Amino acid sequence: MIPFTDEELRPAVLSVIDKVRPSIKLDGGDIKLIDIIDAVVFVQLQGACIGCASSGTTIKFGVERQIKTLIHPEITVMSVPLGWEDKLDQLG
């Protein structure tokens, strides 16, 4: 069980996103926090990362690994495709 509310997680998650953003920007992309629901962090890759074959690896082994290491090991990260920002309950 994660000992934080979603709102308590938000600043820490944003901090980790800011930490990984420079490496994503090196490849012409960006990352945006969409929401946090029940310790699931919903992010959206943008720019050159949209449709990139490595985007799943970026999410799982870049962003999620950092969040699990620096915040809590039970947090998961989910990629939100463009246009799905209001359909988070349908992802997964």
C-alpha atoms as a PDB file:
ATOM      1  CA  MET A   1       0.000   0.000   0.000  1.00  0.00           C
ATOM      2  CA  ILE A   2       1.247   3.425  -0.912  1.00  0.00           C
ATOM      3  CA  PRO A   3       1.300   5.776   2.099  1.00  0.00           C
ATOM      4  CA  PHE A   4       0.567   8.899   0.031  1.00  0.00           C
ATOM      5  CA  THR A   5      -2.537  10.419  -1.510  1.00  0.00           C
ATOM      6  CA  ASP A   6      -2.495  11.179  -5.213  1.00  0.00           C
ATOM      7  CA  GLU A   7      -2.224  14.893  -4.420  1.00  0.00           C
ATOM      8  CA  GLU A   8       0.724  14.279  -2.091  1.00  0.00           C
ATOM      9  CA  LEU A   9       2.442  12.354  -4.896  1.00  0.00           C
ATOM     10  CA  ARG A  10       2.010  15.143  -7.462  1.00  0.00           C
ATOM     11  CA  PRO A  11       5.000  17.364  -6.452  1.00  0.00           C
ATOM     12  CA  ALA A  12       7.354  14.368  -6.196  1.00  0.00           C
ATOM     13  CA  VAL A  13       6.187  12.979  -9.553  1.00  0.00           C
ATOM     14  CA  LEU A  14       6.594  16.383 -11.200  1.00  0.00           C
ATOM     15  CA  SER A  15      10.111  16.572  -9.788  1.00  0.00           C
ATOM     16  CA  VAL A  16      11.013  13.198 -11.335  1.00  0.00           C
ATOM     17  CA  ILE A  17       9.460  14.221 -14.657  1.00  0.00           C
ATOM     18  CA  ASP A  18      11.558  17.400 -14.610  1.00  0.00           C
ATOM     19  CA  LYS A  19      14.603  15.207 -13.984  1.00  0.00           C
ATOM     20  CA  VAL A  20      14.000  12.927 -16.998  1.00  0.00           C
ATOM     21  CA  ARG A  21      12.682  15.668 -19.318  1.00  0.00           C
ATOM     22  CA  PRO A  22      16.139  16.827 -20.553  1.00  0.00           C
ATOM     23  CA  SER A  23      16.996  13.378 -21.918  1.00  0.00           C
ATOM     24  CA  ILE A  24      13.599  13.160 -23.637  1.00  0.00           C
ATOM     25  CA  LYS A  25      14.093  16.628 -25.123  1.00  0.00           C
ATOM     26  CA  LEU A  26      17.447  15.550 -26.554  1.00  0.00           C
ATOM     27  CA  ASP A  27      15.495  13.326 -28.934  1.00  0.00           C
ATOM     28  CA  GLY A  28      13.037  16.089 -29.874  1.00  0.00           C
ATOM     29  CA  GLY A  29      10.278  15.052 -27.492  1.00  0.00           C
ATOM     30  CA  ASP A  30       8.742  16.091 -24.223  1.00  0.00           C
ATOM     31  CA  ILE A  31       6.645  14.587 -21.432  1.00  0.00           C
ATOM     32  CA  LYS A  32       3.543  15.907 -19.699  1.00  0.00           C
ATOM     33  CA  LEU A  33       1.856  14.743 -16.506  1.00  0.00           C
ATOM     34  CA  ILE A  34      -1.832  14.180 -17.276  1.00  0.00           C
ATOM     35  CA  ASP A  35      -3.063  12.910 -13.896  1.00  0.00           C
ATOM     36  CA  ILE A  36      -2.423  10.613 -10.942  1.00  0.00           C
ATOM     37  CA  ILE A  37      -5.240   8.233  -9.996  1.00  0.00           C
ATOM     38  CA  ASP A  38      -4.832   5.583  -7.282  1.00  0.00           C
ATOM     39  CA  ALA A  39      -1.019   5.780  -7.545  1.00  0.00           C
ATOM     40  CA  VAL A  40      -1.096   5.290 -11.313  1.00  0.00           C
ATOM     41  CA  VAL A  41       0.786   8.128 -12.983  1.00  0.00           C
ATOM     42  CA  PHE A  42      -0.625   9.028 -16.395  1.00  0.00           C
ATOM     43  CA  VAL A  43       1.875  10.764 -18.656  1.00  0.00           C
ATOM     44  CA  GLN A  44       1.871  11.741 -22.293  1.00  0.00           C
ATOM     45  CA  LEU A  45       4.917  11.772 -24.510  1.00  0.00           C
ATOM     46  CA  GLN A  46       4.938  14.627 -26.984  1.00  0.00           C
ATOM     47  CA  GLY A  47       6.859  15.907 -29.983  1.00  0.00           C
ATOM     48  CA  ALA A  48       9.143  13.408 -31.704  1.00  0.00           C
ATOM     49  CA  CYS A  49       8.239  10.785 -29.079  1.00  0.00           C
ATOM     50  CA  ILE A  50       4.722  10.398 -30.505  1.00  0.00           C
ATOM     51  CA  GLY A  51       4.661   7.122 -32.379  1.00  0.00           C
ATOM     52  CA  CYS A  52       8.323   6.385 -31.688  1.00  0.00           C
ATOM     53  CA  ALA A  53       9.135   2.684 -31.379  1.00  0.00           C
ATOM     54  CA  SER A  54      11.115   3.418 -28.202  1.00  0.00           C
ATOM     55  CA  SER A  55       8.336   5.306 -26.413  1.00  0.00           C
ATOM     56  CA  GLY A  56       7.272   2.274 -24.348  1.00  0.00           C
ATOM     57  CA  THR A  57      10.859   1.765 -23.225  1.00  0.00           C
ATOM     58  CA  THR A  58      11.111   5.443 -22.321  1.00  0.00           C
ATOM     59  CA  ILE A  59       8.005   5.174 -20.143  1.00  0.00           C
ATOM     60  CA  LYS A  60       8.817   1.878 -18.392  1.00  0.00           C
ATOM     61  CA  PHE A  61      12.599   1.972 -18.082  1.00  0.00           C
ATOM     62  CA  GLY A  62      13.090   5.722 -17.926  1.00  0.00           C
ATOM     63  CA  VAL A  63      10.171   7.409 -16.215  1.00  0.00           C
ATOM     64  CA  GLU A  64       8.633   4.532 -14.243  1.00  0.00           C
ATOM     65  CA  ARG A  65      11.956   3.193 -13.006  1.00  0.00           C
ATOM     66  CA  GLN A  66      12.916   6.628 -11.671  1.00  0.00           C
ATOM     67  CA  ILE A  67       9.531   7.104  -9.991  1.00  0.00           C
ATOM     68  CA  LYS A  68       9.685   3.650  -8.385  1.00  0.00           C
ATOM     69  CA  THR A  69      13.250   4.249  -7.182  1.00  0.00           C
ATOM     70  CA  LEU A  70      12.856   7.812  -5.951  1.00  0.00           C
ATOM     71  CA  ILE A  71       9.262   7.808  -4.661  1.00  0.00           C
ATOM     72  CA  HIS A  72       7.702   4.361  -4.085  1.00  0.00           C
ATOM     73  CA  PRO A  73       8.116   0.937  -5.733  1.00  0.00           C
ATOM     74  CA  GLU A  74       4.373   0.313  -6.107  1.00  0.00           C
ATOM     75  CA  ILE A  75       3.670   3.312  -8.332  1.00  0.00           C
ATOM     76  CA  THR A  76       3.037   2.530 -11.982  1.00  0.00           C
ATOM     77  CA  VAL A  77       3.224   4.782 -15.019  1.00  0.00           C
ATOM     78  CA  MET A  78       0.781   4.624 -17.904  1.00  0.00           C
ATOM     79  CA  SER A  79       1.244   6.287 -21.276  1.00  0.00           C
ATOM     80  CA  VAL A  80      -1.710   8.352 -22.502  1.00  0.00           C
ATOM     81  CA  PRO A  81      -2.108   8.512 -26.289  1.00  0.00           C
ATOM     82  CA  LEU A  82      -3.063  11.853 -27.835  1.00  0.00           C
ATOM     83  CA  GLY A  83      -6.816  12.309 -27.654  1.00  0.00           C
ATOM     84  CA  TRP A  84      -7.234   9.970 -24.669  1.00  0.00           C
ATOM     85  CA  GLU A  85      -6.699  12.568 -21.941  1.00  0.00           C
ATOM     86  CA  ASP A  86     -10.362  12.362 -20.877  1.00  0.00           C
ATOM     87  CA  LYS A  87     -10.588   8.551 -21.185  1.00  0.00           C
ATOM     88  CA  LEU A  88      -8.023   7.474 -18.582  1.00  0.00           C
ATOM     89  CA  ASP A  89     -10.435   4.901 -17.151  1.00  0.00           C
ATOM     90  CA  GLN A  90     -10.350   3.083 -20.511  1.00  0.00           C
ATOM     91  CA  LEU A  91      -6.553   2.671 -20.585  1.00  0.00           C
ATOM     92  CA  GLY A  92      -4.845  -0.459 -19.440  1.00  0.00           C
END
